C-alpha cells in the first residue's frame, strides 16, 4: 500500500492506443528523456513527507513499467521487469505521459502498490480481488495525499499552467510530407494545440 512517484518509465505497450498528436504528414520528435514533471513530483514528495507517521509511505522515485493489459504478467516477464530495475508495473501510465509532453502539459503520476505481481514465491499471484482489496484499504491515504497535492497546486498557478513547458514541443514538430500529402484533420489538431503554428511553419 506504499505510494511511488516514478521519474522514469519503460514502455511495453503495443501501440494499440493513440500515442501522438502529430501524424498525417506531421511528425513531432519531442524529447522524452525525463517523462514526468519534476516540479509536480516535488510537490507530491513534499505533501507525502508531511504525512509520514500518519500511514503514508512514499518512495520518491522509481522506474515504472507500463505493460499492455488486460492480462497480468507471466512469471518470466515479472522477473524480467525486476531485472531491468522496474519499481512498479501498471497498465495505464502511457500513452498519457507522451501525449502530455507533446501538448506541453505538466504531468506526474502517483502509483499505489497493491501486490507483488507474480514474482514473489512467498505471496499469492495477483488477481483483481487482491488489487481492489488493497486499493479500498488504502483509499483514505490516497484521498488525503491527492487532496494535499491539489491544495498545494492551487497556490502554484504557473506550475499548473505548465509555463515551464511552454514552447518545448514547437521546435520538435515538422512536416514530413509535401502539402498535398498532409491530412487536414492532423493539421487541425496541431493548430488547436498550438494556435498560429501553421502560419509560422509556412
C-alpha atoms as a PDB file:
ATOM      1  CA  UNK A   1       0.000   0.000   0.000  1.00  0.00           C
ATOM      2  CA  UNK A   2       3.025   2.290  -0.450  1.00  0.00           C
ATOM      3  CA  UNK A   3       2.954   5.173  -2.924  1.00  0.00           C
ATOM      4  CA  UNK A   4       5.598   5.603  -5.631  1.00  0.00           C
ATOM      5  CA  UNK A   5       6.384   8.766  -7.590  1.00  0.00           C
ATOM      6  CA  UNK A   6       8.034   7.437 -10.754  1.00  0.00           C
ATOM      7  CA  UNK A   7      10.625   9.538 -12.521  1.00  0.00           C
ATOM      8  CA  UNK A   8      11.173   7.063 -15.368  1.00  0.00           C
ATOM      9  CA  UNK A   9       9.031   4.701 -17.435  1.00  0.00           C
ATOM     10  CA  UNK A  10       9.679   1.727 -19.714  1.00  0.00           C
ATOM     11  CA  UNK A  11       7.083   1.370 -22.452  1.00  0.00           C
ATOM     12  CA  UNK A  12       5.888  -2.211 -23.003  1.00  0.00           C
ATOM     13  CA  UNK A  13       2.649  -1.213 -24.725  1.00  0.00           C
ATOM     14  CA  UNK A  14       1.993  -2.316 -28.294  1.00  0.00           C
ATOM     15  CA  UNK A  15       0.854   0.891 -29.954  1.00  0.00           C
ATOM     16  CA  UNK A  16      -2.842  -0.028 -29.776  1.00  0.00           C
ATOM     17  CA  UNK A  17      -3.687   3.286 -28.117  1.00  0.00           C
ATOM     18  CA  UNK A  18      -3.131   6.687 -29.788  1.00  0.00           C
ATOM     19  CA  UNK A  19       0.277   7.897 -28.606  1.00  0.00           C
ATOM     20  CA  UNK A  20       0.906  11.084 -30.610  1.00  0.00           C
ATOM     21  CA  UNK A  21      -0.919  14.182 -31.787  1.00  0.00           C
ATOM     22  CA  UNK A  22       1.465  14.565 -34.711  1.00  0.00           C
ATOM     23  CA  UNK A  23       0.669  12.333 -37.677  1.00  0.00           C
ATOM     24  CA  UNK A  24      -0.880  12.581 -41.117  1.00  0.00           C
ATOM     25  CA  UNK A  25       2.037  14.472 -42.611  1.00  0.00           C
ATOM     26  CA  UNK A  26       3.414  15.866 -39.357  1.00  0.00           C
ATOM     27  CA  UNK A  27       5.974  14.377 -37.008  1.00  0.00           C
ATOM     28  CA  UNK A  28       6.965  15.524 -33.523  1.00  0.00           C
ATOM     29  CA  UNK A  29      10.374  14.404 -32.267  1.00  0.00           C
ATOM     30  CA  UNK A  30       9.576  15.667 -28.769  1.00  0.00           C
ATOM     31  CA  UNK A  31      12.252  15.000 -26.101  1.00  0.00           C
ATOM     32  CA  UNK A  32      11.094  12.392 -23.576  1.00  0.00           C
ATOM     33  CA  UNK A  33      14.248  11.653 -21.578  1.00  0.00           C
ATOM     34  CA  UNK A  34      12.517  12.649 -18.353  1.00  0.00           C
ATOM     35  CA  UNK A  35       8.918  11.578 -18.955  1.00  0.00           C
ATOM     36  CA  UNK A  36       7.323  13.100 -15.871  1.00  0.00           C
ATOM     37  CA  UNK A  37       7.228  16.609 -14.455  1.00  0.00           C
ATOM     38  CA  UNK A  38       9.953  17.121 -11.861  1.00  0.00           C
ATOM     39  CA  UNK A  39       8.313  20.199 -10.352  1.00  0.00           C
ATOM     40  CA  UNK A  40       4.968  18.457  -9.824  1.00  0.00           C
ATOM     41  CA  UNK A  41       6.866  15.484  -8.385  1.00  0.00           C
ATOM     42  CA  UNK A  42       8.475  17.785  -5.812  1.00  0.00           C
ATOM     43  CA  UNK A  43       5.031  18.977  -4.725  1.00  0.00           C
ATOM     44  CA  UNK A  44       3.893  15.350  -4.300  1.00  0.00           C
ATOM     45  CA  UNK A  45       7.024  14.449  -2.316  1.00  0.00           C
ATOM     46  CA  UNK A  46       6.591  17.456  -0.042  1.00  0.00           C
ATOM     47  CA  UNK A  47       2.952  16.632   0.682  1.00  0.00           C
ATOM     48  CA  UNK A  48       3.751  12.976   1.363  1.00  0.00           C
ATOM     49  CA  UNK A  49       6.632  13.905   3.667  1.00  0.00           C
ATOM     50  CA  UNK A  50       4.276  15.954   5.813  1.00  0.00           C
ATOM     51  CA  UNK A  51       2.112  12.805   6.202  1.00  0.00           C
ATOM     52  CA  UNK A  52       4.901  10.464   7.279  1.00  0.00           C
ATOM     53  CA  UNK A  53       3.940   8.771  10.524  1.00  0.00           C
ATOM     54  CA  UNK A  54       0.249   9.054   9.574  1.00  0.00           C
ATOM     55  CA  UNK A  55       0.173   5.947   7.395  1.00  0.00           C
ATOM     56  CA  UNK A  56       1.529   7.410   4.138  1.00  0.00           C
ATOM     57  CA  UNK A  57       4.701   5.700   2.907  1.00  0.00           C
ATOM     58  CA  UNK A  58       6.243   7.243  -0.216  1.00  0.00           C
ATOM     59  CA  UNK A  59       9.054   6.085  -2.486  1.00  0.00           C
ATOM     60  CA  UNK A  60      10.250   9.372  -4.016  1.00  0.00           C
ATOM     61  CA  UNK A  61      11.472   7.943  -7.333  1.00  0.00           C
ATOM     62  CA  UNK A  62      11.389   4.782  -9.390  1.00  0.00           C
ATOM     63  CA  UNK A  63      11.039   3.229 -12.806  1.00  0.00           C
ATOM     64  CA  UNK A  64       7.526   2.333 -13.856  1.00  0.00           C
ATOM     65  CA  UNK A  65       6.869  -0.430 -16.363  1.00  0.00           C
ATOM     66  CA  UNK A  66       3.790   0.156 -18.489  1.00  0.00           C
ATOM     67  CA  UNK A  67       2.521  -3.114 -19.934  1.00  0.00           C
ATOM     68  CA  UNK A  68      -0.384  -3.874 -22.209  1.00  0.00           C
ATOM     69  CA  UNK A  69      -3.374  -5.417 -20.436  1.00  0.00           C
ATOM     70  CA  UNK A  70      -5.811  -6.755 -19.688  1.00  0.00           C
ATOM     71  CA  UNK A  71      -3.875  -9.891 -18.672  1.00  0.00           C
ATOM     72  CA  UNK A  72      -1.348  -9.730 -15.834  1.00  0.00           C
ATOM     73  CA  UNK A  73       2.341 -10.563 -16.407  1.00  0.00           C
ATOM     74  CA  UNK A  74       3.812 -14.003 -16.865  1.00  0.00           C
ATOM     75  CA  UNK A  75       6.300 -15.011 -14.174  1.00  0.00           C
ATOM     76  CA  UNK A  76       9.135 -14.631 -16.704  1.00  0.00           C
ATOM     77  CA  UNK A  77       8.011 -11.098 -17.586  1.00  0.00           C
ATOM     78  CA  UNK A  78       7.654 -10.143 -13.934  1.00  0.00           C
ATOM     79  CA  UNK A  79      11.203 -11.280 -13.191  1.00  0.00           C
ATOM     80  CA  UNK A  80      12.476  -9.524 -16.321  1.00  0.00           C
ATOM     81  CA  UNK A  81      10.935  -6.227 -15.191  1.00  0.00           C
ATOM     82  CA  UNK A  82      12.673  -6.562 -11.833  1.00  0.00           C
ATOM     83  CA  UNK A  83      15.988  -7.305 -13.585  1.00  0.00           C
ATOM     84  CA  UNK A  84      15.504  -4.113 -15.613  1.00  0.00           C
ATOM     85  CA  UNK A  85      15.198  -2.127 -12.384  1.00  0.00           C
ATOM     86  CA  UNK A  86      11.431  -1.686 -12.530  1.00  0.00           C
ATOM     87  CA  UNK A  87       9.805  -0.433  -9.332  1.00  0.00           C
ATOM     88  CA  UNK A  88       6.119  -0.714 -10.236  1.00  0.00           C
ATOM     89  CA  UNK A  89       4.053  -2.205 -13.055  1.00  0.00           C
ATOM     90  CA  UNK A  90       0.932  -0.586 -14.454  1.00  0.00           C
ATOM     91  CA  UNK A  91      -1.333  -0.822 -17.474  1.00  0.00           C
ATOM     92  CA  UNK A  92      -2.216   2.873 -17.535  1.00  0.00           C
ATOM     93  CA  UNK A  93       0.890   5.078 -17.374  1.00  0.00           C
ATOM     94  CA  UNK A  94       1.146   5.510 -21.125  1.00  0.00           C
ATOM     95  CA  UNK A  95       0.399   6.951 -23.609  1.00  0.00           C
ATOM     96  CA  UNK A  96      -0.857   9.762 -21.355  1.00  0.00           C
ATOM     97  CA  UNK A  97       2.674  10.887 -20.454  1.00  0.00           C
ATOM     98  CA  UNK A  98       3.701  11.069 -24.122  1.00  0.00           C
ATOM     99  CA  UNK A  99       0.589  12.998 -25.114  1.00  0.00           C
ATOM    100  CA  UNK A 100       1.006  15.398 -22.182  1.00  0.00           C
ATOM    101  CA  UNK A 101       4.606  16.116 -23.169  1.00  0.00           C
ATOM    102  CA  UNK A 102       3.620  16.787 -26.776  1.00  0.00           C
ATOM    103  CA  UNK A 103       0.834  19.126 -25.618  1.00  0.00           C
ATOM    104  CA  UNK A 104       3.209  20.914 -23.185  1.00  0.00           C
ATOM    105  CA  UNK A 105       1.181  19.875 -20.132  1.00  0.00           C
ATOM    106  CA  UNK A 106       2.638  19.284 -16.669  1.00  0.00           C
ATOM    107  CA  UNK A 107       2.078  15.580 -15.912  1.00  0.00           C
ATOM    108  CA  UNK A 108       3.048  13.360 -12.986  1.00  0.00           C
ATOM    109  CA  UNK A 109       1.628  10.068 -11.785  1.00  0.00           C
ATOM    110  CA  UNK A 110       1.385   8.704  -8.256  1.00  0.00           C
ATOM    111  CA  UNK A 111       1.383   4.913  -8.192  1.00  0.00           C
ATOM    112  CA  UNK A 112      -0.047   2.833  -5.352  1.00  0.00           C
ATOM    113  CA  UNK A 113       1.381  -0.657  -4.874  1.00  0.00           C
ATOM    114  CA  UNK A 114      -1.315  -3.307  -4.427  1.00  0.00           C
ATOM    115  CA  UNK A 115       0.525  -6.612  -4.976  1.00  0.00           C
ATOM    116  CA  UNK A 116       3.779  -8.388  -5.904  1.00  0.00           C
ATOM    117  CA  UNK A 117       2.580  -9.303  -9.401  1.00  0.00           C
ATOM    118  CA  UNK A 118       3.662 -12.969  -9.631  1.00  0.00           C
ATOM    119  CA  UNK A 119       7.430 -12.900  -8.967  1.00  0.00           C
ATOM    120  CA  UNK A 120       7.281 -13.266  -5.160  1.00  0.00           C
ATOM    121  CA  UNK A 121       7.174 -17.004  -4.417  1.00  0.00           C
ATOM    122  CA  UNK A 122       6.031 -16.369  -0.839  1.00  0.00           C
ATOM    123  CA  UNK A 123       2.946 -14.409  -1.897  1.00  0.00           C
ATOM    124  CA  UNK A 124      -0.162 -15.247  -3.898  1.00  0.00           C
ATOM    125  CA  UNK A 125      -0.201 -14.280  -7.557  1.00  0.00           C
ATOM    126  CA  UNK A 126      -2.075 -11.067  -8.258  1.00  0.00           C
ATOM    127  CA  UNK A 127      -5.778 -11.148  -9.054  1.00  0.00           C
ATOM    128  CA  UNK A 128      -8.448  -8.468  -9.317  1.00  0.00           C
ATOM    129  CA  UNK A 129      -9.897  -9.088  -5.840  1.00  0.00           C
ATOM    130  CA  UNK A 130      -6.434  -8.580  -4.294  1.00  0.00           C
ATOM    131  CA  UNK A 131      -5.922  -5.285  -6.150  1.00  0.00           C
ATOM    132  CA  UNK A 132      -9.362  -3.991  -5.146  1.00  0.00           C
ATOM    133  CA  UNK A 133      -8.918  -5.052  -1.526  1.00  0.00           C
ATOM    134  CA  UNK A 134      -5.669  -3.093  -1.111  1.00  0.00           C
ATOM    135  CA  UNK A 135      -6.989  -0.109  -3.031  1.00  0.00           C
ATOM    136  CA  UNK A 136     -10.010   0.069  -0.751  1.00  0.00           C
ATOM    137  CA  UNK A 137      -7.861  -0.341   2.372  1.00  0.00           C
ATOM    138  CA  UNK A 138      -5.550   2.450   1.265  1.00  0.00           C
ATOM    139  CA  UNK A 139      -8.298   4.707  -0.111  1.00  0.00           C
ATOM    140  CA  UNK A 140      -8.197   7.135   2.805  1.00  0.00           C
ATOM    141  CA  UNK A 141      -4.448   7.708   2.399  1.00  0.00           C
ATOM    142  CA  UNK A 142      -4.890   8.108  -1.361  1.00  0.00           C
ATOM    143  CA  UNK A 143      -7.605  10.743  -0.896  1.00  0.00           C
ATOM    144  CA  UNK A 144      -5.558  12.603   1.725  1.00  0.00           C
ATOM    145  CA  UNK A 145      -2.423  12.651  -0.433  1.00  0.00           C
ATOM    146  CA  UNK A 146      -4.192  13.719  -3.633  1.00  0.00           C
ATOM    147  CA  UNK A 147      -6.187  16.341  -1.703  1.00  0.00           C
ATOM    148  CA  UNK A 148      -2.999  17.800  -0.213  1.00  0.00           C
ATOM    149  CA  UNK A 149      -1.333  17.873  -3.637  1.00  0.00           C
ATOM    150  CA  UNK A 150      -4.325  19.675  -5.179  1.00  0.00           C
ATOM    151  CA  UNK A 151      -4.390  22.198  -2.310  1.00  0.00           C
ATOM    152  CA  UNK A 152      -0.722  22.961  -2.904  1.00  0.00           C
ATOM    153  CA  UNK A 153      -1.131  23.201  -6.686  1.00  0.00           C
ATOM    154  CA  UNK A 154      -3.940  25.756  -6.184  1.00  0.00           C
ATOM    155  CA  UNK A 155      -1.215  28.020  -4.801  1.00  0.00           C
ATOM    156  CA  UNK A 156       1.015  27.418  -7.843  1.00  0.00           C
ATOM    157  CA  UNK A 157      -0.929  28.627 -10.923  1.00  0.00           C
ATOM    158  CA  UNK A 158       2.191  28.931 -13.106  1.00  0.00           C
ATOM    159  CA  UNK A 159       3.053  25.319 -12.368  1.00  0.00           C
ATOM    160  CA  UNK A 160      -0.474  24.131 -13.148  1.00  0.00           C
ATOM    161  CA  UNK A 161      -0.448  26.164 -16.373  1.00  0.00           C
ATOM    162  CA  UNK A 162       2.871  24.430 -17.233  1.00  0.00           C
ATOM    163  CA  UNK A 163       4.603  27.697 -18.089  1.00  0.00           C
ATOM    164  CA  UNK A 164       7.930  25.859 -17.760  1.00  0.00           C
ATOM    165  CA  UNK A 165       6.962  23.633 -20.731  1.00  0.00           C
ATOM    166  CA  UNK A 166       5.811  26.471 -22.969  1.00  0.00           C
ATOM    167  CA  UNK A 167       7.422  26.168 -26.397  1.00  0.00           C
ATOM    168  CA  UNK A 168       9.059  22.809 -25.631  1.00  0.00           C
ATOM    169  CA  UNK A 169       7.248  20.940 -28.418  1.00  0.00           C
ATOM    170  CA  UNK A 170       7.006  23.554 -31.124  1.00  0.00           C
ATOM    171  CA  UNK A 171      10.589  23.272 -32.285  1.00  0.00           C
ATOM    172  CA  UNK A 172      10.289  19.487 -32.491  1.00  0.00           C
ATOM    173  CA  UNK A 173       7.265  19.431 -34.809  1.00  0.00           C
ATOM    174  CA  UNK A 174       7.843  19.407 -38.542  1.00  0.00           C
ATOM    175  CA  UNK A 175       6.171  18.489 -41.789  1.00  0.00           C
ATOM    176  CA  UNK A 176       7.282  15.142 -43.194  1.00  0.00           C
ATOM    177  CA  UNK A 177       5.321  15.242 -46.467  1.00  0.00           C
ATOM    178  CA  UNK A 178       4.563  17.720 -49.206  1.00  0.00           C
ATOM    179  CA  UNK A 179       1.418  19.837 -48.683  1.00  0.00           C
ATOM    180  CA  UNK A 180      -0.743  17.544 -50.798  1.00  0.00           C
ATOM    181  CA  UNK A 181       0.085  14.584 -48.522  1.00  0.00           C
ATOM    182  CA  UNK A 182      -0.991  16.281 -45.285  1.00  0.00           C
ATOM    183  CA  UNK A 183      -4.178  15.177 -43.546  1.00  0.00           C
ATOM    184  CA  UNK A 184      -6.419  18.217 -42.887  1.00  0.00           C
ATOM    185  CA  UNK A 185      -7.585  16.690 -39.576  1.00  0.00           C
ATOM    186  CA  UNK A 186      -3.969  16.346 -38.422  1.00  0.00           C
ATOM    187  CA  UNK A 187      -3.326  19.987 -39.272  1.00  0.00           C
ATOM    188  CA  UNK A 188      -6.489  20.960 -37.407  1.00  0.00           C
ATOM    189  CA  UNK A 189      -5.284  19.107 -34.299  1.00  0.00           C
ATOM    190  CA  UNK A 190      -1.891  20.771 -34.238  1.00  0.00           C
ATOM    191  CA  UNK A 191      -3.470  24.189 -34.866  1.00  0.00           C
ATOM    192  CA  UNK A 192      -5.787  23.567 -31.896  1.00  0.00           C
ATOM    193  CA  UNK A 193      -2.852  22.667 -29.639  1.00  0.00           C
ATOM    194  CA  UNK A 194      -0.613  25.472 -30.873  1.00  0.00           C
ATOM    195  CA  UNK A 195      -2.570  28.389 -32.369  1.00  0.00           C
ATOM    196  CA  UNK A 196      -0.515  30.091 -35.055  1.00  0.00           C
ATOM    197  CA  UNK A 197       1.695  27.048 -35.638  1.00  0.00           C
ATOM    198  CA  UNK A 198       0.735  26.614 -39.290  1.00  0.00           C
ATOM    199  CA  UNK A 199       1.288  30.270 -40.097  1.00  0.00           C
ATOM    200  CA  UNK A 200       4.772  30.114 -38.527  1.00  0.00           C
ATOM    201  CA  UNK A 201       5.738  26.990 -40.460  1.00  0.00           C
ATOM    202  CA  UNK A 202       4.684  28.240 -43.896  1.00  0.00           C
END
